[in-house]
Amino acid sequence: MSDPSLGVRSGLQGRVNHNLDILLKRFENISQLAPVEGKSREITAAETYQIECHASAMIRAAEDLLSLTRSLKEAWLFGQLGSELGVVDPATDENAKQVGKALQKLASKPRSSM
């Protein structure tokens, strides 16, 4: 029987690889278009537009990577990541329970007036 977490991992890794490829290719394209010496104004204007298009694609890829990291952080915080990927650490669970108890004690203490 196949491990369902392999599909999740390969999907996440594929998304990261795709965005990294976009960032690298677009940066390479921008660096090739960067030299301006000896070019007419029309060519420079067209290349400027191409650079803007490449830059906006890079921004979208970076935003997707940020979205991915946020999703991973949320999944980790809410306990979805460990069970989904088959990684469960009993010591971490015990530490989380102790922290939760300590926070409940702090929350139940009466507040002193200022």
C-alpha atoms as a PDB file:
ATOM      1  CA  MET A   1       0.000   0.000   0.000  1.00  0.00           C
ATOM      2  CA  SER A   2       1.391   3.410  -0.880  1.00  0.00           C
ATOM      3  CA  ASP A   3       2.067   6.113   1.692  1.00  0.00           C
ATOM      4  CA  PRO A   4      -0.409   9.033   1.277  1.00  0.00           C
ATOM      5  CA  SER A   5       2.119  11.472   2.701  1.00  0.00           C
ATOM      6  CA  LEU A   6       4.351  10.906  -0.329  1.00  0.00           C
ATOM      7  CA  GLY A   7       1.779  12.641  -2.537  1.00  0.00           C
ATOM      8  CA  VAL A   8       1.598  15.592  -0.167  1.00  0.00           C
ATOM      9  CA  ARG A   9       5.377  15.884   0.018  1.00  0.00           C
ATOM     10  CA  SER A  10       5.875  15.561  -3.732  1.00  0.00           C
ATOM     11  CA  GLY A  11       3.151  18.164  -4.348  1.00  0.00           C
ATOM     12  CA  LEU A  12       4.734  20.635  -1.968  1.00  0.00           C
ATOM     13  CA  GLN A  13       8.216  19.950  -3.328  1.00  0.00           C
ATOM     14  CA  GLY A  14       6.940  20.328  -6.891  1.00  0.00           C
ATOM     15  CA  ARG A  15       5.389  23.683  -6.024  1.00  0.00           C
ATOM     16  CA  VAL A  16       8.640  24.888  -4.470  1.00  0.00           C
ATOM     17  CA  ASN A  17      10.714  23.657  -7.415  1.00  0.00           C
ATOM     18  CA  HIS A  18       8.357  25.269  -9.938  1.00  0.00           C
ATOM     19  CA  ASN A  19       8.524  28.652  -8.206  1.00  0.00           C
ATOM     20  CA  LEU A  20      12.300  28.463  -7.833  1.00  0.00           C
ATOM     21  CA  ASP A  21      12.639  27.664 -11.543  1.00  0.00           C
ATOM     22  CA  ILE A  22      10.498  30.693 -12.377  1.00  0.00           C
ATOM     23  CA  LEU A  23      12.596  32.941 -10.140  1.00  0.00           C
ATOM     24  CA  LEU A  24      15.881  31.722 -11.611  1.00  0.00           C
ATOM     25  CA  LYS A  25      14.782  31.811 -15.265  1.00  0.00           C
ATOM     26  CA  ARG A  26      13.184  35.242 -14.989  1.00  0.00           C
ATOM     27  CA  PHE A  27      16.230  36.659 -13.193  1.00  0.00           C
ATOM     28  CA  GLU A  28      18.449  35.251 -15.933  1.00  0.00           C
ATOM     29  CA  ASN A  29      16.210  36.844 -18.572  1.00  0.00           C
ATOM     30  CA  ILE A  30      16.355  40.202 -16.799  1.00  0.00           C
ATOM     31  CA  SER A  31      20.138  40.073 -16.537  1.00  0.00           C
ATOM     32  CA  GLN A  32      20.387  39.337 -20.284  1.00  0.00           C
ATOM     33  CA  LEU A  33      18.179  42.325 -21.102  1.00  0.00           C
ATOM     34  CA  ALA A  34      19.956  44.693 -18.708  1.00  0.00           C
ATOM     35  CA  PRO A  35      22.752  46.066 -20.935  1.00  0.00           C
ATOM     36  CA  VAL A  36      21.540  49.269 -22.620  1.00  0.00           C
ATOM     37  CA  GLU A  37      24.646  50.445 -24.472  1.00  0.00           C
ATOM     38  CA  GLY A  38      24.250  50.860 -28.219  1.00  0.00           C
ATOM     39  CA  LYS A  39      20.491  50.225 -28.312  1.00  0.00           C
ATOM     40  CA  SER A  40      17.847  52.482 -29.790  1.00  0.00           C
ATOM     41  CA  ARG A  41      15.099  53.993 -27.675  1.00  0.00           C
ATOM     42  CA  GLU A  42      12.498  51.674 -29.206  1.00  0.00           C
ATOM     43  CA  ILE A  43      14.462  48.544 -28.369  1.00  0.00           C
ATOM     44  CA  THR A  44      15.179  49.863 -24.882  1.00  0.00           C
ATOM     45  CA  ALA A  45      11.471  50.581 -24.337  1.00  0.00           C
ATOM     46  CA  ALA A  46      10.488  47.087 -25.495  1.00  0.00           C
ATOM     47  CA  GLU A  47      13.120  45.492 -23.290  1.00  0.00           C
ATOM     48  CA  THR A  48      11.975  47.619 -20.351  1.00  0.00           C
ATOM     49  CA  TYR A  49       8.486  46.215 -20.793  1.00  0.00           C
ATOM     50  CA  GLN A  50       9.913  42.678 -20.926  1.00  0.00           C
ATOM     51  CA  ILE A  51      11.860  43.332 -17.737  1.00  0.00           C
ATOM     52  CA  GLU A  52       8.678  44.550 -16.037  1.00  0.00           C
ATOM     53  CA  CYS A  53       6.849  41.376 -17.127  1.00  0.00           C
ATOM     54  CA  HIS A  54       9.681  39.192 -15.824  1.00  0.00           C
ATOM     55  CA  ALA A  55       9.745  41.109 -12.543  1.00  0.00           C
ATOM     56  CA  SER A  56       5.997  40.720 -12.038  1.00  0.00           C
ATOM     57  CA  ALA A  57       6.299  36.961 -12.673  1.00  0.00           C
ATOM     58  CA  MET A  58       9.085  36.831 -10.092  1.00  0.00           C
ATOM     59  CA  ILE A  59       6.896  38.671  -7.601  1.00  0.00           C
ATOM     60  CA  ARG A  60       4.039  36.204  -8.161  1.00  0.00           C
ATOM     61  CA  ALA A  61       6.408  33.254  -7.642  1.00  0.00           C
ATOM     62  CA  ALA A  62       7.822  34.785  -4.465  1.00  0.00           C
ATOM     63  CA  GLU A  63       4.308  35.463  -3.166  1.00  0.00           C
ATOM     64  CA  ASP A  64       3.360  31.853  -3.855  1.00  0.00           C
ATOM     65  CA  LEU A  65       6.409  30.684  -1.894  1.00  0.00           C
ATOM     66  CA  LEU A  66       5.412  32.967   0.983  1.00  0.00           C
ATOM     67  CA  SER A  67       1.874  31.575   0.837  1.00  0.00           C
ATOM     68  CA  LEU A  68       3.266  28.049   0.931  1.00  0.00           C
ATOM     69  CA  THR A  69       5.435  28.781   3.968  1.00  0.00           C
ATOM     70  CA  ARG A  70       2.467  30.376   5.721  1.00  0.00           C
ATOM     71  CA  SER A  71       0.319  27.313   5.019  1.00  0.00           C
ATOM     72  CA  LEU A  72       3.060  25.043   6.346  1.00  0.00           C
ATOM     73  CA  LYS A  73       3.436  27.151   9.497  1.00  0.00           C
ATOM     74  CA  GLU A  74      -0.316  27.098  10.104  1.00  0.00           C
ATOM     75  CA  ALA A  75      -0.477  23.347   9.532  1.00  0.00           C
ATOM     76  CA  TRP A  76       2.400  22.857  11.948  1.00  0.00           C
ATOM     77  CA  LEU A  77       0.874  25.136  14.590  1.00  0.00           C
ATOM     78  CA  PHE A  78      -2.520  23.460  14.443  1.00  0.00           C
ATOM     79  CA  GLY A  79      -1.090  19.938  14.493  1.00  0.00           C
ATOM     80  CA  GLN A  80      -2.033  19.013  10.949  1.00  0.00           C
ATOM     81  CA  LEU A  81       1.483  18.759   9.591  1.00  0.00           C
ATOM     82  CA  GLY A  82       2.884  16.048  11.850  1.00  0.00           C
ATOM     83  CA  SER A  83       0.011  13.620  11.414  1.00  0.00           C
ATOM     84  CA  GLU A  84      -0.279  14.305   7.699  1.00  0.00           C
ATOM     85  CA  LEU A  85       3.371  13.628   7.003  1.00  0.00           C
ATOM     86  CA  GLY A  86       3.600  10.718   9.395  1.00  0.00           C
ATOM     87  CA  VAL A  87       5.912  12.526  11.808  1.00  0.00           C
ATOM     88  CA  VAL A  88       4.646  12.416  15.378  1.00  0.00           C
ATOM     89  CA  ASP A  89       6.933  13.134  18.322  1.00  0.00           C
ATOM     90  CA  PRO A  90       5.457  12.169  21.714  1.00  0.00           C
ATOM     91  CA  ALA A  91       7.894  14.458  23.562  1.00  0.00           C
ATOM     92  CA  THR A  92       6.658  17.443  21.547  1.00  0.00           C
ATOM     93  CA  ASP A  93       3.055  16.538  22.337  1.00  0.00           C
ATOM     94  CA  GLU A  94       3.877  16.327  26.042  1.00  0.00           C
ATOM     95  CA  ASN A  95       5.676  19.685  25.950  1.00  0.00           C
ATOM     96  CA  ALA A  96       2.684  21.245  24.202  1.00  0.00           C
ATOM     97  CA  LYS A  97       0.357  19.911  26.904  1.00  0.00           C
ATOM     98  CA  GLN A  98       2.576  21.359  29.643  1.00  0.00           C
ATOM     99  CA  VAL A  99       2.664  24.737  27.925  1.00  0.00           C
ATOM    100  CA  GLY A 100      -1.127  24.630  27.563  1.00  0.00           C
ATOM    101  CA  LYS A 101      -1.561  23.901  31.265  1.00  0.00           C
ATOM    102  CA  ALA A 102       0.785  26.732  32.201  1.00  0.00           C
ATOM    103  CA  LEU A 103      -1.130  29.142  29.972  1.00  0.00           C
ATOM    104  CA  GLN A 104      -4.426  28.074  31.521  1.00  0.00           C
ATOM    105  CA  LYS A 105      -3.003  28.749  34.991  1.00  0.00           C
ATOM    106  CA  LEU A 106      -1.873  32.205  33.899  1.00  0.00           C
ATOM    107  CA  ALA A 107      -5.243  32.948  32.354  1.00  0.00           C
ATOM    108  CA  SER A 108      -7.152  31.876  35.466  1.00  0.00           C
ATOM    109  CA  LYS A 109      -5.122  34.066  37.825  1.00  0.00           C
ATOM    110  CA  PRO A 110      -7.023  37.146  38.974  1.00  0.00           C
ATOM    111  CA  ARG A 111      -5.740  40.362  37.457  1.00  0.00           C
ATOM    112  CA  SER A 112      -4.389  42.962  39.792  1.00  0.00           C
ATOM    113  CA  SER A 113      -5.806  46.423  39.393  1.00  0.00           C
ATOM    114  CA  MET A 114      -3.468  49.248  38.512  1.00  0.00           C
END
